[in-house]
Amino acid sequence: MMLYPAMSLLNKYVENRYLLVNVVARRARQIAEQADEEGYPLCEKPVTTAINEVAAGKLTAENIDTHIAK
């Protein structure tokens, strides 16, 4: 199975793969909650969007917002 983006690219921005999972999951929840609150449909899954943000260098473990509104 091929992973895109490659894990080596993702690890440039989040070095630990377990931390990467946490960062992506947290951001995916934020994306889903924001879409639900504002009532707009998502073009792709929140996890895909979060992974692409990491691959683009927009999201790292240092700049993830740790507060998720409930």
PDB file of N, CA and C in Angstrom:
ATOM      1  N   MET A   1       0.845  -1.181   0.000  1.00  0.00           N
ATOM      2  CA  MET A   1       0.000   0.000   0.000  1.00  0.00           C
ATOM      3  C   MET A   1       0.890   1.244   0.000  1.00  0.00           C
ATOM      4  N   MET A   2       0.530   2.200  -0.817  1.00  0.00           N
ATOM      5  CA  MET A   2       1.298   3.445  -0.920  1.00  0.00           C
ATOM      6  C   MET A   2       0.619   4.514  -0.071  1.00  0.00           C
ATOM      7  N   LEU A   3       1.392   5.202   0.704  1.00  0.00           N
ATOM      8  CA  LEU A   3       0.865   6.284   1.536  1.00  0.00           C
ATOM      9  C   LEU A   3       1.243   7.604   0.898  1.00  0.00           C
ATOM     10  N   TYR A   4       0.246   8.432   0.664  1.00  0.00           N
ATOM     11  CA  TYR A   4       0.535   9.763   0.154  1.00  0.00           C
ATOM     12  C   TYR A   4      -0.113  10.764   1.076  1.00  0.00           C
ATOM     13  N   PRO A   5       0.566  11.730   1.533  1.00  0.00           N
ATOM     14  CA  PRO A   5       1.993  11.975   1.340  1.00  0.00           C
ATOM     15  C   PRO A   5       2.831  10.967   2.109  1.00  0.00           C
ATOM     16  N   ALA A   6       4.058  10.808   1.700  1.00  0.00           N
ATOM     17  CA  ALA A   6       4.953   9.823   2.301  1.00  0.00           C
ATOM     18  C   ALA A   6       5.242  10.165   3.758  1.00  0.00           C
ATOM     19  N   MET A   7       5.419   9.123   4.551  1.00  0.00           N
ATOM     20  CA  MET A   7       5.704   9.305   5.972  1.00  0.00           C
ATOM     21  C   MET A   7       6.987  10.113   6.171  1.00  0.00           C
ATOM     22  N   SER A   8       7.958   9.942   5.313  1.00  0.00           N
ATOM     23  CA  SER A   8       9.211  10.701   5.449  1.00  0.00           C
ATOM     24  C   SER A   8       8.964  12.199   5.298  1.00  0.00           C
ATOM     25  N   LEU A   9       8.031  12.581   4.444  1.00  0.00           N
ATOM     26  CA  LEU A   9       7.686  14.000   4.294  1.00  0.00           C
ATOM     27  C   LEU A   9       6.966  14.514   5.542  1.00  0.00           C
ATOM     28  N   LEU A  10       6.044  13.736   6.060  1.00  0.00           N
ATOM     29  CA  LEU A  10       5.302  14.142   7.259  1.00  0.00           C
ATOM     30  C   LEU A  10       6.219  14.248   8.469  1.00  0.00           C
ATOM     31  N   ASN A  11       7.206  13.347   8.542  1.00  0.00           N
ATOM     32  CA  ASN A  11       8.125  13.360   9.682  1.00  0.00           C
ATOM     33  C   ASN A  11       9.075  14.547   9.675  1.00  0.00           C
ATOM     34  N   LYS A  12       9.152  15.290   8.593  1.00  0.00           N
ATOM     35  CA  LYS A  12       9.947  16.520   8.579  1.00  0.00           C
ATOM     36  C   LYS A  12       9.305  17.580   9.474  1.00  0.00           C
ATOM     37  N   TYR A  13       7.988  17.539   9.595  1.00  0.00           N
ATOM     38  CA  TYR A  13       7.254  18.549  10.358  1.00  0.00           C
ATOM     39  C   TYR A  13       6.858  18.068  11.749  1.00  0.00           C
ATOM     40  N   VAL A  14       6.595  16.774  11.889  1.00  0.00           N
ATOM     41  CA  VAL A  14       6.299  16.172  13.189  1.00  0.00           C
ATOM     42  C   VAL A  14       7.164  14.923  13.270  1.00  0.00           C
ATOM     43  N   GLU A  15       8.210  14.975  14.074  1.00  0.00           N
ATOM     44  CA  GLU A  15       9.235  13.935  14.066  1.00  0.00           C
ATOM     45  C   GLU A  15       8.770  12.583  14.582  1.00  0.00           C
ATOM     46  N   ASN A  16       7.925  12.572  15.552  1.00  0.00           N
ATOM     47  CA  ASN A  16       7.467  11.331  16.166  1.00  0.00           C
ATOM     48  C   ASN A  16       6.155  10.898  15.527  1.00  0.00           C
ATOM     49  N   ARG A  17       6.073   9.654  15.038  1.00  0.00           N
ATOM     50  CA  ARG A  17       4.861   9.219  14.348  1.00  0.00           C
ATOM     51  C   ARG A  17       3.653   9.147  15.276  1.00  0.00           C
ATOM     52  N   TYR A  18       3.859   8.882  16.540  1.00  0.00           N
ATOM     53  CA  TYR A  18       2.743   8.837  17.481  1.00  0.00           C
ATOM     54  C   TYR A  18       2.219  10.248  17.760  1.00  0.00           C
ATOM     55  N   LEU A  19       3.119  11.194  17.848  1.00  0.00           N
ATOM     56  CA  LEU A  19       2.724  12.585  17.999  1.00  0.00           C
ATOM     57  C   LEU A  19       2.013  13.061  16.733  1.00  0.00           C
ATOM     58  N   LEU A  20       2.466  12.599  15.587  1.00  0.00           N
ATOM     59  CA  LEU A  20       1.820  12.926  14.315  1.00  0.00           C
ATOM     60  C   LEU A  20       0.362  12.484  14.316  1.00  0.00           C
ATOM     61  N   VAL A  21       0.104  11.294  14.794  1.00  0.00           N
ATOM     62  CA  VAL A  21      -1.274  10.788  14.871  1.00  0.00           C
ATOM     63  C   VAL A  21      -2.115  11.693  15.756  1.00  0.00           C
ATOM     64  N   ASN A  22      -1.581  12.105  16.882  1.00  0.00           N
ATOM     65  CA  ASN A  22      -2.321  12.981  17.795  1.00  0.00           C
ATOM     66  C   ASN A  22      -2.583  14.349  17.187  1.00  0.00           C
ATOM     67  N   VAL A  23      -1.581  14.907  16.528  1.00  0.00           N
ATOM     68  CA  VAL A  23      -1.725  16.225  15.898  1.00  0.00           C
ATOM     69  C   VAL A  23      -2.778  16.168  14.802  1.00  0.00           C
ATOM     70  N   VAL A  24      -2.709  15.154  13.948  1.00  0.00           N
ATOM     71  CA  VAL A  24      -3.666  15.020  12.850  1.00  0.00           C
ATOM     72  C   VAL A  24      -5.076  14.784  13.392  1.00  0.00           C
ATOM     73  N   ALA A  25      -5.215  13.933  14.388  1.00  0.00           N
ATOM     74  CA  ALA A  25      -6.541  13.661  14.954  1.00  0.00           C
ATOM     75  C   ALA A  25      -7.141  14.910  15.590  1.00  0.00           C
ATOM     76  N   ARG A  26      -6.325  15.660  16.307  1.00  0.00           N
ATOM     77  CA  ARG A  26      -6.807  16.878  16.956  1.00  0.00           C
ATOM     78  C   ARG A  26      -7.266  17.906  15.919  1.00  0.00           C
ATOM     79  N   ARG A  27      -6.465  18.073  14.870  1.00  0.00           N
ATOM     80  CA  ARG A  27      -6.817  19.034  13.818  1.00  0.00           C
ATOM     81  C   ARG A  27      -8.056  18.567  13.047  1.00  0.00           C
ATOM     82  N   ALA A  28      -8.156  17.268  12.807  1.00  0.00           N
ATOM     83  CA  ALA A  28      -9.322  16.736  12.099  1.00  0.00           C
ATOM     84  C   ALA A  28     -10.600  17.001  12.902  1.00  0.00           C
ATOM     85  N   ARG A  29     -10.527  16.855  14.215  1.00  0.00           N
ATOM     86  CA  ARG A  29     -11.693  17.173  15.065  1.00  0.00           C
ATOM     87  C   ARG A  29     -12.045  18.643  14.966  1.00  0.00           C
ATOM     88  N   GLN A  30     -11.038  19.509  14.965  1.00  0.00           N
ATOM     89  CA  GLN A  30     -11.286  20.945  14.836  1.00  0.00           C
ATOM     90  C   GLN A  30     -11.972  21.261  13.506  1.00  0.00           C
ATOM     91  N   ILE A  31     -11.497  20.651  12.436  1.00  0.00           N
ATOM     92  CA  ILE A  31     -12.077  20.887  11.109  1.00  0.00           C
ATOM     93  C   ILE A  31     -13.525  20.422  11.074  1.00  0.00           C
ATOM     94  N   ALA A  32     -13.791  19.231  11.605  1.00  0.00           N
ATOM     95  CA  ALA A  32     -15.150  18.685  11.604  1.00  0.00           C
ATOM     96  C   ALA A  32     -16.098  19.525  12.454  1.00  0.00           C
ATOM     97  N   GLU A  33     -15.628  19.955  13.623  1.00  0.00           N
ATOM     98  CA  GLU A  33     -16.472  20.777  14.491  1.00  0.00           C
ATOM     99  C   GLU A  33     -16.770  22.129  13.861  1.00  0.00           C
ATOM    100  N   GLN A  34     -15.789  22.735  13.236  1.00  0.00           N
ATOM    101  CA  GLN A  34     -15.983  24.028  12.593  1.00  0.00           C
ATOM    102  C   GLN A  34     -16.984  23.907  11.439  1.00  0.00           C
ATOM    103  N   ALA A  35     -16.866  22.854  10.655  1.00  0.00           N
ATOM    104  CA  ALA A  35     -17.796  22.646   9.538  1.00  0.00           C
ATOM    105  C   ALA A  35     -19.211  22.418  10.059  1.00  0.00           C
ATOM    106  N   ASP A  36     -19.322  21.692  11.156  1.00  0.00           N
ATOM    107  CA  ASP A  36     -20.634  21.424  11.742  1.00  0.00           C
ATOM    108  C   ASP A  36     -21.258  22.697  12.309  1.00  0.00           C
ATOM    109  N   GLU A  37     -20.464  23.502  13.001  1.00  0.00           N
ATOM    110  CA  GLU A  37     -20.971  24.748  13.585  1.00  0.00           C
ATOM    111  C   GLU A  37     -21.395  25.747  12.515  1.00  0.00           C
ATOM    112  N   GLU A  38     -20.606  25.835  11.452  1.00  0.00           N
ATOM    113  CA  GLU A  38     -20.898  26.807  10.400  1.00  0.00           C
ATOM    114  C   GLU A  38     -21.839  26.252   9.336  1.00  0.00           C
ATOM    115  N   GLY A  39     -22.114  24.957   9.385  1.00  0.00           N
ATOM    116  CA  GLY A  39     -23.093  24.346   8.508  1.00  0.00           C
ATOM    117  C   GLY A  39     -22.684  24.218   7.052  1.00  0.00           C
ATOM    118  N   TYR A  40     -21.407  23.999   6.791  1.00  0.00           N
ATOM    119  CA  TYR A  40     -20.997  23.814   5.403  1.00  0.00           C
ATOM    120  C   TYR A  40     -20.470  22.384   5.208  1.00  0.00           C
ATOM    121  N   PRO A  41     -20.692  21.821   4.013  1.00  0.00           N
ATOM    122  CA  PRO A  41     -20.217  20.457   3.744  1.00  0.00           C
ATOM    123  C   PRO A  41     -18.716  20.444   3.468  1.00  0.00           C
ATOM    124  N   LEU A  42     -18.090  19.344   3.795  1.00  0.00           N
ATOM    125  CA  LEU A  42     -16.659  19.187   3.558  1.00  0.00           C
ATOM    126  C   LEU A  42     -16.431  18.492   2.225  1.00  0.00           C
ATOM    127  N   CYS A  43     -15.463  18.960   1.473  1.00  0.00           N
ATOM    128  CA  CYS A  43     -15.124  18.360   0.170  1.00  0.00           C
ATOM    129  C   CYS A  43     -14.371  17.045   0.349  1.00  0.00           C
ATOM    130  N   GLU A  44     -13.570  16.972   1.405  1.00  0.00           N
ATOM    131  CA  GLU A  44     -12.819  15.752   1.689  1.00  0.00           C
ATOM    132  C   GLU A  44     -12.882  15.474   3.184  1.00  0.00           C
ATOM    133  N   LYS A  45     -12.459  14.305   3.575  1.00  0.00           N
ATOM    134  CA  LYS A  45     -12.514  13.924   4.978  1.00  0.00           C
ATOM    135  C   LYS A  45     -11.583  14.818   5.805  1.00  0.00           C
ATOM    136  N   PRO A  46     -11.979  15.118   7.039  1.00  0.00           N
ATOM    137  CA  PRO A  46     -11.154  15.988   7.891  1.00  0.00           C
ATOM    138  C   PRO A  46      -9.734  15.462   8.111  1.00  0.00           C
ATOM    139  N   VAL A  47      -9.576  14.145   8.198  1.00  0.00           N
ATOM    140  CA  VAL A  47      -8.246  13.572   8.402  1.00  0.00           C
ATOM    141  C   VAL A  47      -7.368  13.842   7.180  1.00  0.00           C
ATOM    142  N   THR A  48      -7.933  13.721   5.996  1.00  0.00           N
ATOM    143  CA  THR A  48      -7.184  14.000   4.770  1.00  0.00           C
ATOM    144  C   THR A  48      -6.736  15.455   4.732  1.00  0.00           C
ATOM    145  N   THR A  49      -7.633  16.351   5.098  1.00  0.00           N
ATOM    146  CA  THR A  49      -7.290  17.774   5.129  1.00  0.00           C
ATOM    147  C   THR A  49      -6.168  18.032   6.129  1.00  0.00           C
ATOM    148  N   ALA A  50      -6.255  17.425   7.311  1.00  0.00           N
ATOM    149  CA  ALA A  50      -5.235  17.624   8.343  1.00  0.00           C
ATOM    150  C   ALA A  50      -3.879  17.075   7.893  1.00  0.00           C
ATOM    151  N   ILE A  51      -3.866  15.908   7.268  1.00  0.00           N
ATOM    152  CA  ILE A  51      -2.608  15.335   6.783  1.00  0.00           C
ATOM    153  C   ILE A  51      -1.994  16.230   5.714  1.00  0.00           C
ATOM    154  N   ASN A  52      -2.824  16.744   4.835  1.00  0.00           N
ATOM    155  CA  ASN A  52      -2.314  17.641   3.794  1.00  0.00           C
ATOM    156  C   ASN A  52      -1.764  18.933   4.381  1.00  0.00           C
ATOM    157  N   GLU A  53      -2.342  19.414   5.481  1.00  0.00           N
ATOM    158  CA  GLU A  53      -1.816  20.603   6.153  1.00  0.00           C
ATOM    159  C   GLU A  53      -0.438  20.329   6.733  1.00  0.00           C
ATOM    160  N   VAL A  54      -0.245  19.134   7.285  1.00  0.00           N
ATOM    161  CA  VAL A  54       1.084  18.765   7.803  1.00  0.00           C
ATOM    162  C   VAL A  54       2.078  18.689   6.655  1.00  0.00           C
ATOM    163  N   ALA A  55       1.688  18.039   5.566  1.00  0.00           N
ATOM    164  CA  ALA A  55       2.590  17.874   4.415  1.00  0.00           C
ATOM    165  C   ALA A  55       2.982  19.216   3.800  1.00  0.00           C
ATOM    166  N   ALA A  56       2.086  20.195   3.876  1.00  0.00           N
ATOM    167  CA  ALA A  56       2.372  21.521   3.327  1.00  0.00           C
ATOM    168  C   ALA A  56       3.162  22.393   4.302  1.00  0.00           C
ATOM    169  N   GLY A  57       3.396  21.903   5.511  1.00  0.00           N
ATOM    170  CA  GLY A  57       4.150  22.665   6.497  1.00  0.00           C
ATOM    171  C   GLY A  57       3.308  23.672   7.260  1.00  0.00           C
ATOM    172  N   LYS A  58       2.001  23.637   7.088  1.00  0.00           N
ATOM    173  CA  LYS A  58       1.109  24.577   7.768  1.00  0.00           C
ATOM    174  C   LYS A  58       0.803  24.144   9.197  1.00  0.00           C
ATOM    175  N   LEU A  59       1.021  22.876   9.505  1.00  0.00           N
ATOM    176  CA  LEU A  59       0.638  22.330  10.797  1.00  0.00           C
ATOM    177  C   LEU A  59       1.798  21.534  11.371  1.00  0.00           C
ATOM    178  N   THR A  60       2.204  21.883  12.589  1.00  0.00           N
ATOM    179  CA  THR A  60       3.235  21.146  13.303  1.00  0.00           C
ATOM    180  C   THR A  60       2.753  20.911  14.724  1.00  0.00           C
ATOM    181  N   ALA A  61       3.514  20.140  15.474  1.00  0.00           N
ATOM    182  CA  ALA A  61       3.151  19.879  16.863  1.00  0.00           C
ATOM    183  C   ALA A  61       3.229  21.153  17.692  1.00  0.00           C
ATOM    184  N   GLU A  62       4.083  22.087  17.284  1.00  0.00           N
ATOM    185  CA  GLU A  62       4.251  23.320  18.044  1.00  0.00           C
ATOM    186  C   GLU A  62       3.134  24.317  17.801  1.00  0.00           C
ATOM    187  N   ASN A  63       2.508  24.302  16.626  1.00  0.00           N
ATOM    188  CA  ASN A  63       1.508  25.326  16.355  1.00  0.00           C
ATOM    189  C   ASN A  63       0.066  24.805  16.351  1.00  0.00           C
ATOM    190  N   ILE A  64      -0.162  23.584  16.755  1.00  0.00           N
ATOM    191  CA  ILE A  64      -1.523  23.074  16.838  1.00  0.00           C
ATOM    192  C   ILE A  64      -2.223  23.682  18.055  1.00  0.00           C
ATOM    193  N   ASP A  65      -3.430  24.116  17.834  1.00  0.00           N
ATOM    194  CA  ASP A  65      -4.212  24.662  18.927  1.00  0.00           C
ATOM    195  C   ASP A  65      -4.662  23.496  19.798  1.00  0.00           C
ATOM    196  N   THR A  66      -4.259  23.489  21.055  1.00  0.00           N
ATOM    197  CA  THR A  66      -4.552  22.352  21.923  1.00  0.00           C
ATOM    198  C   THR A  66      -5.938  22.411  22.536  1.00  0.00           C
ATOM    199  N   HIS A  67      -6.636  23.504  22.354  1.00  0.00           N
ATOM    200  CA  HIS A  67      -7.976  23.628  22.918  1.00  0.00           C
ATOM    201  C   HIS A  67      -9.020  23.289  21.864  1.00  0.00           C
ATOM    202  N   ILE A  68      -9.811  22.292  22.143  1.00  0.00           N
ATOM    203  CA  ILE A  68     -10.910  21.933  21.254  1.00  0.00           C
ATOM    204  C   ILE A  68     -12.208  22.224  21.990  1.00  0.00           C
ATOM    205  N   ALA A  69     -12.991  23.118  21.455  1.00  0.00           N
ATOM    206  CA  ALA A  69     -14.263  23.484  22.099  1.00  0.00           C
ATOM    207  C   ALA A  69     -15.219  22.311  22.068  1.00  0.00           C
ATOM    208  N   LYS A  70     -15.920  22.142  23.167  1.00  0.00           N
ATOM    209  CA  LYS A  70     -16.928  21.064  23.238  1.00  0.00           C
ATOM    210  C   LYS A  70     -18.275  21.636  23.463  1.00  0.00           C
TER     211      LYS A  70
END
